[in-house]
Amino acid sequence: MHRARLLLLAGWMLWPISIWAQERATEPLRFESATVVQVDPGTPQRRGIPPTDPERLSLKGMTLTWLVYSAYEEGMGTQWKVQGGPEWTDTTKFSIEAKASKPSSTHELRMMLRTLLAERFGLKVREETVEPEVYLLYLDRNDGTLGRNIREWDGTCVTGQKPTSDDDPYIPRCASGFGGPGLVVDGGTMFVAGDLLSLPPSWGFLGGKMVEDRTGLKGRYSMRLEFKFGPWAQAVRSPNPDETSKELIEAVRDQWGMRIEKGKGVLHVVEIEHAEMPPEK
């Protein structure tokens, strides 16, 4: 009886400690300090989280819509859409300077940014997933071999710069994007390849549809796609993508050993249900 009473007492003593531990485990990540200021409407529009010190986040000239994109998108992927909110969410620009208490990954900085937006903007969102028609990227060859313009990443950057230390699968380790002969992916995953093919220079040829990875490949690669993409700022959705996409799809098959087919994809929607202008501090 005495032993049973001791065990029961120990259980009561451990119960609040367990609850405290659970609460601590779910406590949102926060910046150690942060300032949010409204900036001049003429400030150039910025999108995405630029590479910064791992203890700091510096976002300049961003609307609340793009701040939400930065906080909720994985690597600014095109598989996310932010919508809703007051009219000013797409017009008023802000700059944020924030400092973490210790070196943090890009994902952790995003989670801190979510907390900051909730606290300073009173931001409340609803998340849902829809399945739009997209283009899906598959391996094209039965033996799994890749095309002539793709190889496993060797850990170095073509530019000679040092690779980023953040191993987020949604972000390339080296500079990647459109330019030169077409499209370059350096130290990126297949998610990155599909994501870049979903951006305006490629998007126009494909009728505004995203490209999502279905290759099953998990590593990082150095990839080059020689193709004459249109200027980013002049991208126009093709009214006849079945025709305009043929040349791009053939280039992907020839140079990467992959095929692009229509199918159902995944789109994460973040609906802004409430937001208010922040106090400047």
C-alpha atoms as a PDB file:
ATOM      1  CA  MET A   1       0.000   0.000   0.000  1.00  0.00           C
ATOM      2  CA  HIS A   2       2.812   2.404   0.944  1.00  0.00           C
ATOM      3  CA  ARG A   3       4.592   1.706  -2.379  1.00  0.00           C
ATOM      4  CA  ALA A   4       1.385   2.297  -4.332  1.00  0.00           C
ATOM      5  CA  ARG A   5       0.846   5.653  -2.587  1.00  0.00           C
ATOM      6  CA  LEU A   6       4.416   6.708  -3.435  1.00  0.00           C
ATOM      7  CA  LEU A   7       3.920   5.789  -7.085  1.00  0.00           C
ATOM      8  CA  LEU A   8       0.630   7.702  -7.160  1.00  0.00           C
ATOM      9  CA  LEU A   9       2.283  10.767  -5.584  1.00  0.00           C
ATOM     10  CA  ALA A  10       5.155  10.568  -8.063  1.00  0.00           C
ATOM     11  CA  GLY A  11       2.612  10.478 -10.875  1.00  0.00           C
ATOM     12  CA  TRP A  12       0.927  13.658  -9.621  1.00  0.00           C
ATOM     13  CA  MET A  13       4.317  15.357  -9.302  1.00  0.00           C
ATOM     14  CA  LEU A  14       5.384  14.399 -12.827  1.00  0.00           C
ATOM     15  CA  TRP A  15       2.083  15.315 -14.475  1.00  0.00           C
ATOM     16  CA  PRO A  16       2.502  19.139 -14.350  1.00  0.00           C
ATOM     17  CA  ILE A  17       6.147  18.787 -15.383  1.00  0.00           C
ATOM     18  CA  SER A  18       5.016  16.763 -18.414  1.00  0.00           C
ATOM     19  CA  ILE A  19       2.422  19.395 -19.340  1.00  0.00           C
ATOM     20  CA  TRP A  20       5.059  22.134 -19.000  1.00  0.00           C
ATOM     21  CA  ALA A  21       7.429  20.202 -21.255  1.00  0.00           C
ATOM     22  CA  GLN A  22       4.711  19.821 -23.904  1.00  0.00           C
ATOM     23  CA  GLU A  23       3.925  23.529 -23.779  1.00  0.00           C
ATOM     24  CA  ARG A  24       7.617  24.377 -24.100  1.00  0.00           C
ATOM     25  CA  ALA A  25       7.945  22.017 -27.050  1.00  0.00           C
ATOM     26  CA  THR A  26       5.124  23.797 -28.914  1.00  0.00           C
ATOM     27  CA  GLU A  27       6.141  27.352 -27.982  1.00  0.00           C
ATOM     28  CA  PRO A  28       6.551  29.337 -31.233  1.00  0.00           C
ATOM     29  CA  LEU A  29      10.012  30.464 -32.273  1.00  0.00           C
ATOM     30  CA  ARG A  30      10.642  34.194 -31.757  1.00  0.00           C
ATOM     31  CA  PHE A  31      13.249  36.734 -32.731  1.00  0.00           C
ATOM     32  CA  GLU A  32      15.261  38.191 -29.890  1.00  0.00           C
ATOM     33  CA  SER A  33      14.523  41.674 -31.251  1.00  0.00           C
ATOM     34  CA  ALA A  34      12.786  43.098 -34.316  1.00  0.00           C
ATOM     35  CA  THR A  35      11.693  46.386 -35.884  1.00  0.00           C
ATOM     36  CA  VAL A  36       8.848  46.811 -38.389  1.00  0.00           C
ATOM     37  CA  VAL A  37       8.537  50.141 -40.226  1.00  0.00           C
ATOM     38  CA  GLN A  38       6.381  51.354 -43.087  1.00  0.00           C
ATOM     39  CA  VAL A  39       8.456  52.615 -46.025  1.00  0.00           C
ATOM     40  CA  ASP A  40       7.932  54.979 -48.936  1.00  0.00           C
ATOM     41  CA  PRO A  41       5.563  53.629 -51.641  1.00  0.00           C
ATOM     42  CA  GLY A  42       8.310  54.173 -54.216  1.00  0.00           C
ATOM     43  CA  THR A  43      10.648  51.723 -52.493  1.00  0.00           C
ATOM     44  CA  PRO A  44      11.510  48.893 -54.937  1.00  0.00           C
ATOM     45  CA  GLN A  45       9.395  45.798 -54.350  1.00  0.00           C
ATOM     46  CA  ARG A  46      11.302  42.898 -52.826  1.00  0.00           C
ATOM     47  CA  ARG A  47      10.291  39.251 -52.862  1.00  0.00           C
ATOM     48  CA  GLY A  48      11.681  36.344 -50.889  1.00  0.00           C
ATOM     49  CA  ILE A  49      14.215  35.954 -48.121  1.00  0.00           C
ATOM     50  CA  PRO A  50      17.656  37.049 -49.369  1.00  0.00           C
ATOM     51  CA  PRO A  51      20.770  35.307 -48.013  1.00  0.00           C
ATOM     52  CA  THR A  52      21.721  37.014 -44.750  1.00  0.00           C
ATOM     53  CA  ASP A  53      23.611  36.403 -41.547  1.00  0.00           C
ATOM     54  CA  PRO A  54      22.133  33.240 -39.920  1.00  0.00           C
ATOM     55  CA  GLU A  55      21.293  35.324 -36.853  1.00  0.00           C
ATOM     56  CA  ARG A  56      19.573  38.120 -38.764  1.00  0.00           C
ATOM     57  CA  LEU A  57      16.690  38.664 -41.149  1.00  0.00           C
ATOM     58  CA  SER A  58      16.550  41.804 -43.288  1.00  0.00           C
ATOM     59  CA  LEU A  59      13.465  42.295 -45.465  1.00  0.00           C
ATOM     60  CA  LYS A  60      13.154  45.646 -47.218  1.00  0.00           C
ATOM     61  CA  GLY A  61      10.233  47.088 -49.177  1.00  0.00           C
ATOM     62  CA  MET A  62       7.872  44.123 -48.932  1.00  0.00           C
ATOM     63  CA  THR A  63       4.069  44.148 -48.829  1.00  0.00           C
ATOM     64  CA  LEU A  64       2.315  42.042 -46.225  1.00  0.00           C
ATOM     65  CA  THR A  65       1.319  39.595 -48.955  1.00  0.00           C
ATOM     66  CA  TRP A  66       4.983  38.984 -49.775  1.00  0.00           C
ATOM     67  CA  LEU A  67       5.929  38.877 -46.110  1.00  0.00           C
ATOM     68  CA  VAL A  68       3.385  36.067 -45.730  1.00  0.00           C
ATOM     69  CA  TYR A  69       4.849  34.330 -48.781  1.00  0.00           C
ATOM     70  CA  SER A  70       8.284  34.600 -47.163  1.00  0.00           C
ATOM     71  CA  ALA A  71       6.994  33.197 -43.867  1.00  0.00           C
ATOM     72  CA  TYR A  72       4.907  30.327 -45.232  1.00  0.00           C
ATOM     73  CA  GLU A  73       6.467  29.226 -48.513  1.00  0.00           C
ATOM     74  CA  GLU A  74       9.184  26.609 -48.436  1.00  0.00           C
ATOM     75  CA  GLY A  75      12.027  28.223 -50.375  1.00  0.00           C
ATOM     76  CA  MET A  76       9.618  30.630 -52.045  1.00  0.00           C
ATOM     77  CA  GLY A  77       8.199  27.661 -53.950  1.00  0.00           C
ATOM     78  CA  THR A  78       5.527  28.237 -56.567  1.00  0.00           C
ATOM     79  CA  GLN A  79       3.378  25.545 -54.920  1.00  0.00           C
ATOM     80  CA  TRP A  80       2.080  28.193 -52.500  1.00  0.00           C
ATOM     81  CA  LYS A  81      -0.517  30.940 -53.011  1.00  0.00           C
ATOM     82  CA  VAL A  82      -1.333  33.779 -50.599  1.00  0.00           C
ATOM     83  CA  GLN A  83      -4.677  35.529 -50.977  1.00  0.00           C
ATOM     84  CA  GLY A  84      -7.230  37.618 -49.076  1.00  0.00           C
ATOM     85  CA  GLY A  85      -6.678  40.343 -46.490  1.00  0.00           C
ATOM     86  CA  PRO A  86      -7.357  44.110 -46.509  1.00  0.00           C
ATOM     87  CA  GLU A  87      -6.619  46.094 -49.680  1.00  0.00           C
ATOM     88  CA  TRP A  88      -3.400  47.556 -48.246  1.00  0.00           C
ATOM     89  CA  THR A  89      -1.808  44.108 -47.913  1.00  0.00           C
ATOM     90  CA  ASP A  90      -0.849  44.317 -51.626  1.00  0.00           C
ATOM     91  CA  THR A  91       0.141  47.990 -51.730  1.00  0.00           C
ATOM     92  CA  THR A  92       1.700  49.201 -48.455  1.00  0.00           C
ATOM     93  CA  LYS A  93       5.365  48.273 -48.076  1.00  0.00           C
ATOM     94  CA  PHE A  94       7.315  47.518 -44.918  1.00  0.00           C
ATOM     95  CA  SER A  95      10.880  46.826 -43.910  1.00  0.00           C
ATOM     96  CA  ILE A  96      11.789  44.367 -41.172  1.00  0.00           C
ATOM     97  CA  GLU A  97      15.098  44.057 -39.347  1.00  0.00           C
ATOM     98  CA  ALA A  98      15.157  41.133 -36.945  1.00  0.00           C
ATOM     99  CA  LYS A  99      17.783  39.339 -34.876  1.00  0.00           C
ATOM    100  CA  ALA A 100      17.664  35.762 -33.605  1.00  0.00           C
ATOM    101  CA  SER A 101      19.233  34.753 -30.304  1.00  0.00           C
ATOM    102  CA  LYS A 102      21.489  32.244 -32.064  1.00  0.00           C
ATOM    103  CA  PRO A 103      22.451  31.092 -35.586  1.00  0.00           C
ATOM    104  CA  SER A 104      19.311  29.696 -37.233  1.00  0.00           C
ATOM    105  CA  SER A 105      18.356  27.833 -40.393  1.00  0.00           C
ATOM    106  CA  THR A 106      16.203  29.412 -43.095  1.00  0.00           C
ATOM    107  CA  HIS A 107      13.276  27.300 -41.885  1.00  0.00           C
ATOM    108  CA  GLU A 108      13.700  28.558 -38.315  1.00  0.00           C
ATOM    109  CA  LEU A 109      13.878  32.163 -39.528  1.00  0.00           C
ATOM    110  CA  ARG A 110      10.633  31.612 -41.418  1.00  0.00           C
ATOM    111  CA  MET A 111       8.960  30.261 -38.285  1.00  0.00           C
ATOM    112  CA  MET A 112      10.161  33.312 -36.331  1.00  0.00           C
ATOM    113  CA  LEU A 113       8.772  35.548 -39.076  1.00  0.00           C
ATOM    114  CA  ARG A 114       5.375  33.836 -38.735  1.00  0.00           C
ATOM    115  CA  THR A 115       5.364  34.648 -35.030  1.00  0.00           C
ATOM    116  CA  LEU A 116       6.411  38.245 -35.692  1.00  0.00           C
ATOM    117  CA  LEU A 117       3.624  38.766 -38.247  1.00  0.00           C
ATOM    118  CA  ALA A 118       1.064  37.361 -35.817  1.00  0.00           C
ATOM    119  CA  GLU A 119       2.260  39.655 -33.039  1.00  0.00           C
ATOM    120  CA  ARG A 120       2.844  42.899 -34.965  1.00  0.00           C
ATOM    121  CA  PHE A 121       0.185  42.649 -37.716  1.00  0.00           C
ATOM    122  CA  GLY A 122      -2.386  40.616 -35.751  1.00  0.00           C
ATOM    123  CA  LEU A 123      -2.111  38.199 -38.662  1.00  0.00           C
ATOM    124  CA  LYS A 124      -4.508  35.265 -38.758  1.00  0.00           C
ATOM    125  CA  VAL A 125      -4.482  32.843 -41.666  1.00  0.00           C
ATOM    126  CA  ARG A 126      -6.242  29.702 -42.782  1.00  0.00           C
ATOM    127  CA  GLU A 127      -4.336  27.074 -44.715  1.00  0.00           C
ATOM    128  CA  GLU A 128      -5.788  24.596 -47.190  1.00  0.00           C
ATOM    129  CA  THR A 129      -4.603  22.391 -50.027  1.00  0.00           C
ATOM    130  CA  VAL A 130      -6.128  22.193 -53.508  1.00  0.00           C
ATOM    131  CA  GLU A 131      -5.260  20.024 -56.516  1.00  0.00           C
ATOM    132  CA  PRO A 132      -4.998  22.096 -59.707  1.00  0.00           C
ATOM    133  CA  GLU A 133      -3.960  20.778 -63.096  1.00  0.00           C
ATOM    134  CA  VAL A 134      -0.187  21.174 -63.456  1.00  0.00           C
ATOM    135  CA  TYR A 135       2.729  19.716 -65.370  1.00  0.00           C
ATOM    136  CA  LEU A 136       4.505  16.824 -63.635  1.00  0.00           C
ATOM    137  CA  LEU A 137       8.218  16.058 -64.059  1.00  0.00           C
ATOM    138  CA  TYR A 138       9.105  12.345 -64.397  1.00  0.00           C
ATOM    139  CA  LEU A 139      12.215  10.328 -65.267  1.00  0.00           C
ATOM    140  CA  ASP A 140      11.850   9.438 -68.939  1.00  0.00           C
ATOM    141  CA  ARG A 141      14.231   6.510 -69.309  1.00  0.00           C
ATOM    142  CA  ASN A 142      13.450   3.006 -68.070  1.00  0.00           C
ATOM    143  CA  ASP A 143      17.003   2.472 -66.788  1.00  0.00           C
ATOM    144  CA  GLY A 144      16.867   5.711 -64.754  1.00  0.00           C
ATOM    145  CA  THR A 145      19.812   7.327 -66.533  1.00  0.00           C
ATOM    146  CA  LEU A 146      19.856  11.093 -66.704  1.00  0.00           C
ATOM    147  CA  GLY A 147      20.403  13.410 -69.659  1.00  0.00           C
ATOM    148  CA  ARG A 148      23.620  14.976 -70.907  1.00  0.00           C
ATOM    149  CA  ASN A 149      23.133  18.288 -69.089  1.00  0.00           C
ATOM    150  CA  ILE A 150      22.641  16.941 -65.593  1.00  0.00           C
ATOM    151  CA  ARG A 151      25.030  15.384 -63.078  1.00  0.00           C
ATOM    152  CA  GLU A 152      25.193  14.802 -59.357  1.00  0.00           C
ATOM    153  CA  TRP A 153      26.352  17.909 -57.523  1.00  0.00           C
ATOM    154  CA  ASP A 154      30.016  17.678 -56.426  1.00  0.00           C
ATOM    155  CA  GLY A 155      29.692  20.125 -53.518  1.00  0.00           C
ATOM    156  CA  THR A 156      31.196  23.130 -55.317  1.00  0.00           C
ATOM    157  CA  CYS A 157      29.572  26.082 -57.063  1.00  0.00           C
ATOM    158  CA  VAL A 158      30.144  26.765 -60.757  1.00  0.00           C
ATOM    159  CA  THR A 159      30.611  30.452 -59.898  1.00  0.00           C
ATOM    160  CA  GLY A 160      33.459  29.621 -57.500  1.00  0.00           C
ATOM    161  CA  GLN A 161      31.511  30.993 -54.548  1.00  0.00           C
ATOM    162  CA  LYS A 162      31.154  29.035 -51.329  1.00  0.00           C
ATOM    163  CA  PRO A 163      27.939  26.939 -51.142  1.00  0.00           C
ATOM    164  CA  THR A 164      25.403  27.962 -48.532  1.00  0.00           C
ATOM    165  CA  SER A 165      25.474  25.887 -45.356  1.00  0.00           C
ATOM    166  CA  ASP A 166      21.677  25.583 -45.129  1.00  0.00           C
ATOM    167  CA  ASP A 167      20.681  22.156 -46.446  1.00  0.00           C
ATOM    168  CA  ASP A 168      17.006  23.067 -46.985  1.00  0.00           C
ATOM    169  CA  PRO A 169      15.834  20.818 -49.872  1.00  0.00           C
ATOM    170  CA  TYR A 170      13.701  23.662 -51.215  1.00  0.00           C
ATOM    171  CA  ILE A 171      16.679  25.986 -51.728  1.00  0.00           C
ATOM    172  CA  PRO A 172      19.694  25.498 -54.057  1.00  0.00           C
ATOM    173  CA  ARG A 173      23.096  25.559 -52.362  1.00  0.00           C
ATOM    174  CA  CYS A 174      24.547  27.723 -55.182  1.00  0.00           C
ATOM    175  CA  ALA A 175      23.284  30.559 -57.391  1.00  0.00           C
ATOM    176  CA  SER A 176      20.596  29.216 -59.709  1.00  0.00           C
ATOM    177  CA  GLY A 177      18.080  30.682 -62.143  1.00  0.00           C
ATOM    178  CA  PHE A 178      17.582  32.066 -65.642  1.00  0.00           C
ATOM    179  CA  GLY A 179      20.375  33.640 -67.626  1.00  0.00           C
ATOM    180  CA  GLY A 180      23.101  32.915 -70.127  1.00  0.00           C
ATOM    181  CA  PRO A 181      22.166  29.893 -72.224  1.00  0.00           C
ATOM    182  CA  GLY A 182      18.846  29.310 -70.472  1.00  0.00           C
ATOM    183  CA  LEU A 183      18.300  27.836 -67.032  1.00  0.00           C
ATOM    184  CA  VAL A 184      20.885  26.735 -64.455  1.00  0.00           C
ATOM    185  CA  VAL A 185      20.311  24.680 -61.287  1.00  0.00           C
ATOM    186  CA  ASP A 186      23.478  24.391 -59.195  1.00  0.00           C
ATOM    187  CA  GLY A 187      23.397  22.285 -56.043  1.00  0.00           C
ATOM    188  CA  GLY A 188      19.618  22.061 -56.209  1.00  0.00           C
ATOM    189  CA  THR A 189      17.092  19.289 -55.734  1.00  0.00           C
ATOM    190  CA  MET A 190      14.511  18.239 -58.289  1.00  0.00           C
ATOM    191  CA  PHE A 191      11.986  20.320 -56.366  1.00  0.00           C
ATOM    192  CA  VAL A 192      14.134  23.366 -57.227  1.00  0.00           C
ATOM    193  CA  ALA A 193      14.248  22.334 -60.902  1.00  0.00           C
ATOM    194  CA  GLY A 194      10.459  22.058 -61.084  1.00  0.00           C
ATOM    195  CA  ASP A 195      10.047  25.274 -59.132  1.00  0.00           C
ATOM    196  CA  LEU A 196      12.272  27.245 -61.522  1.00  0.00           C
ATOM    197  CA  LEU A 197      10.370  25.834 -64.495  1.00  0.00           C
ATOM    198  CA  SER A 198       7.237  27.266 -62.850  1.00  0.00           C
ATOM    199  CA  LEU A 199       8.545  30.864 -62.891  1.00  0.00           C
ATOM    200  CA  PRO A 200       7.547  33.481 -65.517  1.00  0.00           C
ATOM    201  CA  PRO A 201      10.209  32.879 -68.217  1.00  0.00           C
ATOM    202  CA  SER A 202       9.082  29.226 -68.461  1.00  0.00           C
ATOM    203  CA  TRP A 203       5.538  29.713 -67.150  1.00  0.00           C
ATOM    204  CA  GLY A 204       4.481  31.594 -70.293  1.00  0.00           C
ATOM    205  CA  PHE A 205       5.279  28.657 -72.578  1.00  0.00           C
ATOM    206  CA  LEU A 206       3.315  26.301 -70.331  1.00  0.00           C
ATOM    207  CA  GLY A 207       0.136  28.364 -70.188  1.00  0.00           C
ATOM    208  CA  GLY A 208       0.629  29.488 -66.600  1.00  0.00           C
ATOM    209  CA  LYS A 209       0.827  25.976 -65.159  1.00  0.00           C
ATOM    210  CA  MET A 210       3.314  24.963 -62.468  1.00  0.00           C
ATOM    211  CA  VAL A 211       5.806  22.110 -62.812  1.00  0.00           C
ATOM    212  CA  GLU A 212       6.024  19.692 -59.880  1.00  0.00           C
ATOM    213  CA  ASP A 213       8.704  17.065 -59.248  1.00  0.00           C
ATOM    214  CA  ARG A 214       7.651  13.403 -59.522  1.00  0.00           C
ATOM    215  CA  THR A 215      11.087  11.954 -60.344  1.00  0.00           C
ATOM    216  CA  GLY A 216      11.622  10.380 -56.933  1.00  0.00           C
ATOM    217  CA  LEU A 217      15.222  11.670 -56.919  1.00  0.00           C
ATOM    218  CA  LYS A 218      16.328  12.964 -53.506  1.00  0.00           C
ATOM    219  CA  GLY A 219      19.870  14.207 -54.132  1.00  0.00           C
ATOM    220  CA  ARG A 220      21.290  17.516 -55.319  1.00  0.00           C
ATOM    221  CA  TYR A 221      22.317  18.104 -58.899  1.00  0.00           C
ATOM    222  CA  SER A 222      24.046  20.485 -61.286  1.00  0.00           C
ATOM    223  CA  MET A 223      21.715  21.034 -64.249  1.00  0.00           C
ATOM    224  CA  ARG A 224      21.709  23.180 -67.354  1.00  0.00           C
ATOM    225  CA  LEU A 225      18.849  23.646 -69.802  1.00  0.00           C
ATOM    226  CA  GLU A 226      19.771  25.335 -73.064  1.00  0.00           C
ATOM    227  CA  PHE A 227      16.597  27.077 -74.188  1.00  0.00           C
ATOM    228  CA  LYS A 228      15.619  30.550 -75.359  1.00  0.00           C
ATOM    229  CA  PHE A 229      13.352  31.730 -72.571  1.00  0.00           C
ATOM    230  CA  GLY A 230      11.560  35.056 -72.811  1.00  0.00           C
ATOM    231  CA  PRO A 231      12.383  38.072 -70.609  1.00  0.00           C
ATOM    232  CA  TRP A 232      11.076  37.724 -67.053  1.00  0.00           C
ATOM    233  CA  ALA A 233       9.173  41.023 -67.033  1.00  0.00           C
ATOM    234  CA  GLN A 234       7.557  40.338 -70.410  1.00  0.00           C
ATOM    235  CA  ALA A 235       6.282  36.828 -69.695  1.00  0.00           C
ATOM    236  CA  VAL A 236       2.785  36.305 -71.077  1.00  0.00           C
ATOM    237  CA  ARG A 237       0.633  33.223 -70.555  1.00  0.00           C
ATOM    238  CA  SER A 238       0.377  31.401 -73.854  1.00  0.00           C
ATOM    239  CA  PRO A 239      -3.192  31.076 -75.162  1.00  0.00           C
ATOM    240  CA  ASN A 240      -2.155  27.827 -76.878  1.00  0.00           C
ATOM    241  CA  PRO A 241       0.191  26.016 -74.468  1.00  0.00           C
ATOM    242  CA  ASP A 242      -0.244  22.651 -76.200  1.00  0.00           C
ATOM    243  CA  GLU A 243       1.759  24.137 -79.078  1.00  0.00           C
ATOM    244  CA  THR A 244       4.132  26.543 -77.296  1.00  0.00           C
ATOM    245  CA  SER A 245       5.123  23.954 -74.684  1.00  0.00           C
ATOM    246  CA  LYS A 246       6.312  21.357 -77.216  1.00  0.00           C
ATOM    247  CA  GLU A 247       9.792  22.820 -77.758  1.00  0.00           C
ATOM    248  CA  LEU A 248      10.412  23.282 -74.021  1.00  0.00           C
ATOM    249  CA  ILE A 249       9.161  19.795 -73.167  1.00  0.00           C
ATOM    250  CA  GLU A 250      11.396  18.303 -75.862  1.00  0.00           C
ATOM    251  CA  ALA A 251      14.421  20.236 -74.545  1.00  0.00           C
ATOM    252  CA  VAL A 252      13.813  18.832 -71.038  1.00  0.00           C
ATOM    253  CA  ARG A 253      13.545  15.300 -72.437  1.00  0.00           C
ATOM    254  CA  ASP A 254      16.674  15.630 -74.578  1.00  0.00           C
ATOM    255  CA  GLN A 255      18.943  17.453 -72.105  1.00  0.00           C
ATOM    256  CA  TRP A 256      17.696  16.157 -68.730  1.00  0.00           C
ATOM    257  CA  GLY A 257      16.312  12.731 -69.646  1.00  0.00           C
ATOM    258  CA  MET A 258      12.954  13.678 -68.138  1.00  0.00           C
ATOM    259  CA  ARG A 259       9.439  14.034 -69.457  1.00  0.00           C
ATOM    260  CA  ILE A 260       6.752  16.558 -68.605  1.00  0.00           C
ATOM    261  CA  GLU A 261       3.097  15.471 -68.518  1.00  0.00           C
ATOM    262  CA  LYS A 262      -0.143  17.063 -67.384  1.00  0.00           C
ATOM    263  CA  GLY A 263      -1.652  15.825 -64.139  1.00  0.00           C
ATOM    264  CA  LYS A 264      -3.013  16.830 -60.738  1.00  0.00           C
ATOM    265  CA  GLY A 265      -0.611  18.691 -58.482  1.00  0.00           C
ATOM    266  CA  VAL A 266      -0.616  20.210 -54.994  1.00  0.00           C
ATOM    267  CA  LEU A 267      -1.159  23.897 -54.252  1.00  0.00           C
ATOM    268  CA  HIS A 268      -0.975  25.191 -50.673  1.00  0.00           C
ATOM    269  CA  VAL A 269      -3.296  28.168 -50.197  1.00  0.00           C
ATOM    270  CA  VAL A 270      -2.768  30.619 -47.338  1.00  0.00           C
ATOM    271  CA  GLU A 271      -5.888  32.752 -46.836  1.00  0.00           C
ATOM    272  CA  ILE A 272      -5.361  35.975 -44.868  1.00  0.00           C
ATOM    273  CA  GLU A 273      -8.406  36.152 -42.588  1.00  0.00           C
ATOM    274  CA  HIS A 274      -7.304  39.125 -40.481  1.00  0.00           C
ATOM    275  CA  ALA A 275      -4.521  41.715 -40.540  1.00  0.00           C
ATOM    276  CA  GLU A 276      -4.048  45.220 -39.153  1.00  0.00           C
ATOM    277  CA  MET A 277      -1.470  47.950 -39.640  1.00  0.00           C
ATOM    278  CA  PRO A 278       1.407  47.390 -37.197  1.00  0.00           C
ATOM    279  CA  PRO A 279       2.644  49.906 -34.634  1.00  0.00           C
ATOM    280  CA  GLU A 280       6.064  51.153 -35.728  1.00  0.00           C
ATOM    281  CA  LYS A 281       8.602  49.876 -33.245  1.00  0.00           C
END
